[in-house]
N, C-alpha and C. Protein backbone atom coordinates (compact mmCIF):
# COMPACT_ATOMS: atom_id res chain seq x y z
N MET A 1 -150.13 -70.79 -153.95
CA MET A 1 -149.05 -70.93 -154.87
C MET A 1 -148.95 -71.98 -155.28
N LYS A 2 -148.90 -72.51 -156.77
CA LYS A 2 -148.48 -73.35 -157.22
C LYS A 2 -147.32 -73.67 -157.81
N THR A 3 -146.46 -75.15 -157.79
CA THR A 3 -145.11 -74.95 -157.94
C THR A 3 -145.31 -76.07 -159.13
N LEU A 4 -144.18 -76.41 -159.63
CA LEU A 4 -143.62 -76.86 -160.55
C LEU A 4 -144.26 -78.66 -160.12
N ARG A 5 -143.54 -78.73 -158.76
CA ARG A 5 -144.08 -80.49 -157.92
C ARG A 5 -145.42 -80.35 -158.56
N ASP A 6 -146.77 -79.72 -158.72
CA ASP A 6 -148.28 -79.38 -158.66
C ASP A 6 -148.13 -79.94 -160.33
N VAL A 7 -147.41 -79.72 -161.33
CA VAL A 7 -147.80 -80.09 -162.76
C VAL A 7 -147.94 -81.38 -162.77
N LYS A 8 -149.24 -81.94 -163.44
CA LYS A 8 -149.06 -83.51 -163.76
C LYS A 8 -148.74 -83.68 -165.39
N VAL A 9 -148.14 -85.05 -165.44
CA VAL A 9 -147.62 -85.35 -166.44
C VAL A 9 -148.23 -84.90 -167.71
N GLY A 10 -147.18 -84.59 -168.61
CA GLY A 10 -148.54 -83.94 -170.09
C GLY A 10 -148.91 -82.85 -169.81
N GLN A 11 -149.00 -81.97 -168.90
CA GLN A 11 -149.05 -80.81 -168.99
C GLN A 11 -147.63 -79.44 -169.10
N SER A 12 -147.96 -78.54 -169.30
CA SER A 12 -147.16 -77.57 -169.23
C SER A 12 -147.28 -76.43 -168.34
N ALA A 13 -146.23 -75.58 -167.97
CA ALA A 13 -146.61 -74.36 -167.11
C ALA A 13 -145.80 -73.96 -167.08
N VAL A 14 -145.40 -72.04 -166.91
CA VAL A 14 -144.57 -71.00 -166.89
C VAL A 14 -144.13 -70.85 -165.65
N ILE A 15 -142.78 -70.64 -165.62
CA ILE A 15 -142.18 -70.17 -164.49
C ILE A 15 -142.65 -68.72 -164.04
N GLN A 16 -142.76 -68.38 -162.95
CA GLN A 16 -143.08 -67.39 -162.55
C GLN A 16 -141.91 -66.62 -161.57
N ARG A 17 -141.73 -67.50 -160.42
CA ARG A 17 -140.91 -66.76 -159.28
C ARG A 17 -139.74 -68.32 -158.85
N LEU A 18 -138.41 -67.98 -158.49
CA LEU A 18 -137.65 -68.82 -158.36
C LEU A 18 -137.41 -68.64 -156.51
N HIS A 19 -137.84 -69.40 -155.72
CA HIS A 19 -137.85 -69.11 -154.24
C HIS A 19 -136.39 -70.13 -154.06
N GLY A 20 -135.89 -69.90 -152.80
CA GLY A 20 -134.59 -70.38 -152.50
C GLY A 20 -133.54 -69.46 -152.41
N GLU A 21 -132.38 -70.03 -151.94
CA GLU A 21 -131.19 -69.00 -151.63
C GLU A 21 -129.95 -69.50 -152.42
N GLY A 22 -129.24 -68.60 -153.06
CA GLY A 22 -127.65 -68.61 -152.99
C GLY A 22 -127.28 -69.92 -153.98
N ALA A 23 -126.63 -71.01 -153.81
CA ALA A 23 -126.12 -71.81 -154.57
C ALA A 23 -127.30 -72.59 -154.90
N LEU A 24 -128.41 -72.89 -154.61
CA LEU A 24 -129.18 -73.90 -154.76
C LEU A 24 -130.31 -73.11 -156.18
N LYS A 25 -130.54 -71.69 -155.64
CA LYS A 25 -131.07 -70.69 -156.90
C LYS A 25 -130.42 -70.57 -158.14
N ARG A 26 -128.97 -70.50 -157.89
CA ARG A 26 -127.72 -70.45 -158.94
C ARG A 26 -128.00 -71.99 -159.77
N ARG A 27 -128.11 -72.81 -159.04
CA ARG A 27 -127.83 -74.38 -159.82
C ARG A 27 -129.18 -74.59 -160.64
N ILE A 28 -130.44 -74.49 -160.08
CA ILE A 28 -131.69 -73.90 -160.84
C ILE A 28 -131.83 -73.17 -162.13
N MET A 29 -131.18 -72.36 -161.93
CA MET A 29 -131.31 -71.00 -163.32
C MET A 29 -130.05 -71.40 -164.34
N ASP A 30 -129.05 -71.64 -163.59
CA ASP A 30 -128.03 -72.76 -164.31
C ASP A 30 -128.41 -73.75 -165.49
N MET A 31 -129.37 -74.37 -165.19
CA MET A 31 -130.22 -75.53 -165.67
C MET A 31 -131.19 -74.87 -166.82
N GLY A 32 -131.64 -73.54 -166.54
CA GLY A 32 -132.44 -73.12 -167.68
C GLY A 32 -133.58 -72.53 -167.63
N LEU A 33 -133.85 -72.96 -165.97
CA LEU A 33 -135.53 -72.88 -165.31
C LEU A 33 -135.16 -71.53 -164.56
N THR A 34 -135.42 -70.31 -165.53
CA THR A 34 -135.55 -68.96 -165.30
C THR A 34 -137.02 -68.53 -165.23
N LYS A 35 -137.59 -67.75 -164.90
CA LYS A 35 -138.66 -66.95 -164.87
C LYS A 35 -138.90 -66.43 -166.22
N GLY A 36 -140.20 -66.82 -166.91
CA GLY A 36 -141.03 -66.46 -168.13
C GLY A 36 -140.80 -67.95 -168.77
N THR A 37 -139.79 -68.90 -168.49
CA THR A 37 -139.58 -70.21 -169.44
C THR A 37 -140.47 -71.38 -169.28
N GLU A 38 -141.15 -71.89 -170.35
CA GLU A 38 -141.83 -72.75 -170.45
C GLU A 38 -141.44 -73.89 -170.23
N VAL A 39 -142.19 -75.04 -169.43
CA VAL A 39 -141.40 -76.26 -169.23
C VAL A 39 -143.08 -77.11 -169.15
N TYR A 40 -142.83 -78.17 -170.19
CA TYR A 40 -143.50 -79.33 -170.14
C TYR A 40 -142.81 -80.79 -169.47
N VAL A 41 -143.74 -81.16 -168.76
CA VAL A 41 -143.41 -82.19 -167.57
C VAL A 41 -143.54 -83.39 -168.49
N ARG A 42 -142.62 -84.40 -168.95
CA ARG A 42 -143.01 -85.46 -169.81
C ARG A 42 -142.92 -86.90 -169.30
N LYS A 43 -142.17 -86.98 -167.78
CA LYS A 43 -142.78 -88.37 -167.44
C LYS A 43 -142.34 -88.03 -165.87
N VAL A 44 -142.80 -89.05 -164.71
CA VAL A 44 -142.25 -89.04 -163.43
C VAL A 44 -141.60 -90.42 -163.15
N ALA A 45 -140.74 -90.56 -162.65
CA ALA A 45 -139.80 -91.75 -161.93
C ALA A 45 -141.15 -92.71 -161.33
N PRO A 46 -140.98 -93.95 -161.50
CA PRO A 46 -141.79 -94.89 -160.77
C PRO A 46 -141.94 -94.50 -159.60
N LEU A 47 -141.30 -94.28 -159.01
CA LEU A 47 -141.13 -93.96 -157.05
C LEU A 47 -141.43 -92.61 -157.02
N GLY A 48 -141.93 -91.59 -157.98
CA GLY A 48 -142.19 -90.37 -158.09
C GLY A 48 -140.95 -89.52 -158.15
N ASP A 49 -140.19 -89.70 -158.17
CA ASP A 49 -139.02 -88.81 -158.16
C ASP A 49 -137.43 -89.40 -158.26
N PRO A 50 -136.93 -88.40 -159.78
CA PRO A 50 -137.54 -87.30 -160.36
C PRO A 50 -138.34 -87.07 -160.73
N MET A 51 -138.83 -85.98 -161.48
CA MET A 51 -139.39 -85.70 -162.59
C MET A 51 -138.54 -85.10 -163.79
N GLU A 52 -138.93 -85.68 -165.03
CA GLU A 52 -138.16 -85.17 -166.24
C GLU A 52 -139.01 -84.34 -167.26
N LEU A 53 -138.28 -83.44 -167.74
CA LEU A 53 -139.17 -82.26 -168.19
C LEU A 53 -138.21 -81.86 -169.74
N THR A 54 -139.03 -81.31 -170.26
CA THR A 54 -138.66 -80.32 -171.61
C THR A 54 -138.72 -79.17 -171.40
N VAL A 55 -137.65 -78.46 -171.50
CA VAL A 55 -137.35 -77.02 -171.56
C VAL A 55 -136.02 -76.35 -172.11
N ARG A 56 -136.55 -75.61 -173.18
CA ARG A 56 -136.07 -74.61 -173.91
C ARG A 56 -135.23 -75.85 -175.12
N GLY A 57 -135.92 -77.35 -175.26
CA GLY A 57 -135.55 -78.17 -176.43
C GLY A 57 -135.03 -79.15 -175.87
N TYR A 58 -134.62 -78.93 -174.36
CA TYR A 58 -133.60 -80.40 -174.02
C TYR A 58 -134.77 -81.07 -173.22
N GLU A 59 -134.13 -82.07 -172.46
CA GLU A 59 -134.72 -82.94 -171.32
C GLU A 59 -133.88 -82.72 -170.34
N LEU A 60 -134.58 -82.46 -169.18
CA LEU A 60 -133.79 -82.35 -168.00
C LEU A 60 -134.69 -82.87 -166.56
N SER A 61 -133.48 -83.45 -165.75
CA SER A 61 -134.44 -84.06 -164.61
C SER A 61 -134.14 -83.74 -163.51
N VAL A 62 -135.31 -83.29 -162.66
CA VAL A 62 -135.20 -82.32 -161.42
C VAL A 62 -135.84 -83.16 -160.49
N ARG A 63 -135.08 -83.03 -159.33
CA ARG A 63 -135.57 -83.77 -158.10
C ARG A 63 -137.21 -82.59 -157.61
N LYS A 64 -138.25 -83.91 -157.09
CA LYS A 64 -139.46 -82.68 -156.27
C LYS A 64 -138.93 -81.68 -155.75
N GLU A 65 -137.98 -82.10 -154.65
CA GLU A 65 -137.77 -81.02 -153.59
C GLU A 65 -137.15 -79.83 -154.35
N ASP A 66 -136.38 -80.06 -155.25
CA ASP A 66 -136.14 -78.73 -155.75
C ASP A 66 -137.35 -78.31 -156.89
N ALA A 67 -138.37 -79.09 -157.48
CA ALA A 67 -139.15 -78.72 -157.95
C ALA A 67 -140.34 -78.05 -157.29
N ALA A 68 -140.35 -77.91 -156.01
CA ALA A 68 -141.29 -77.46 -154.89
C ALA A 68 -141.10 -75.98 -154.83
N LEU A 69 -139.87 -75.64 -155.30
CA LEU A 69 -139.07 -74.54 -155.08
C LEU A 69 -139.44 -73.48 -156.23
N ILE A 70 -139.59 -73.84 -157.39
CA ILE A 70 -140.09 -73.20 -158.36
C ILE A 70 -141.97 -73.08 -158.77
N GLU A 71 -142.13 -71.38 -158.52
CA GLU A 71 -143.62 -71.34 -158.69
C GLU A 71 -143.77 -70.89 -159.80
N VAL A 72 -145.00 -71.94 -160.56
CA VAL A 72 -145.48 -71.60 -161.56
C VAL A 72 -147.15 -70.90 -162.00
N THR A 73 -147.40 -71.24 -163.34
CA THR A 73 -148.79 -71.13 -163.66
C THR A 73 -149.04 -71.66 -164.82
C-alpha cells in the first residue's frame, strides 16, 4: 500500500482511499483530500514535516502523520 507520505517532491498521485476515523477523517476530507483527487507534492519542510501540496488549485500543508492515512496510486 502506497500512501501520500511515500510520494516524492515533484511527483503527483491520485487519492484512492482515506484511512482513519471520525473527526480526523472528516478534517482530511474538509481539506479537499477526497477519493479521486489528484495531489502534487510541491515541497517538504527541512526537517521533513509538514509536506506542502497542491490540491484542486490551492496550496495545502499536511503533517506526515496525516499523509500516512491517505492511500494513493
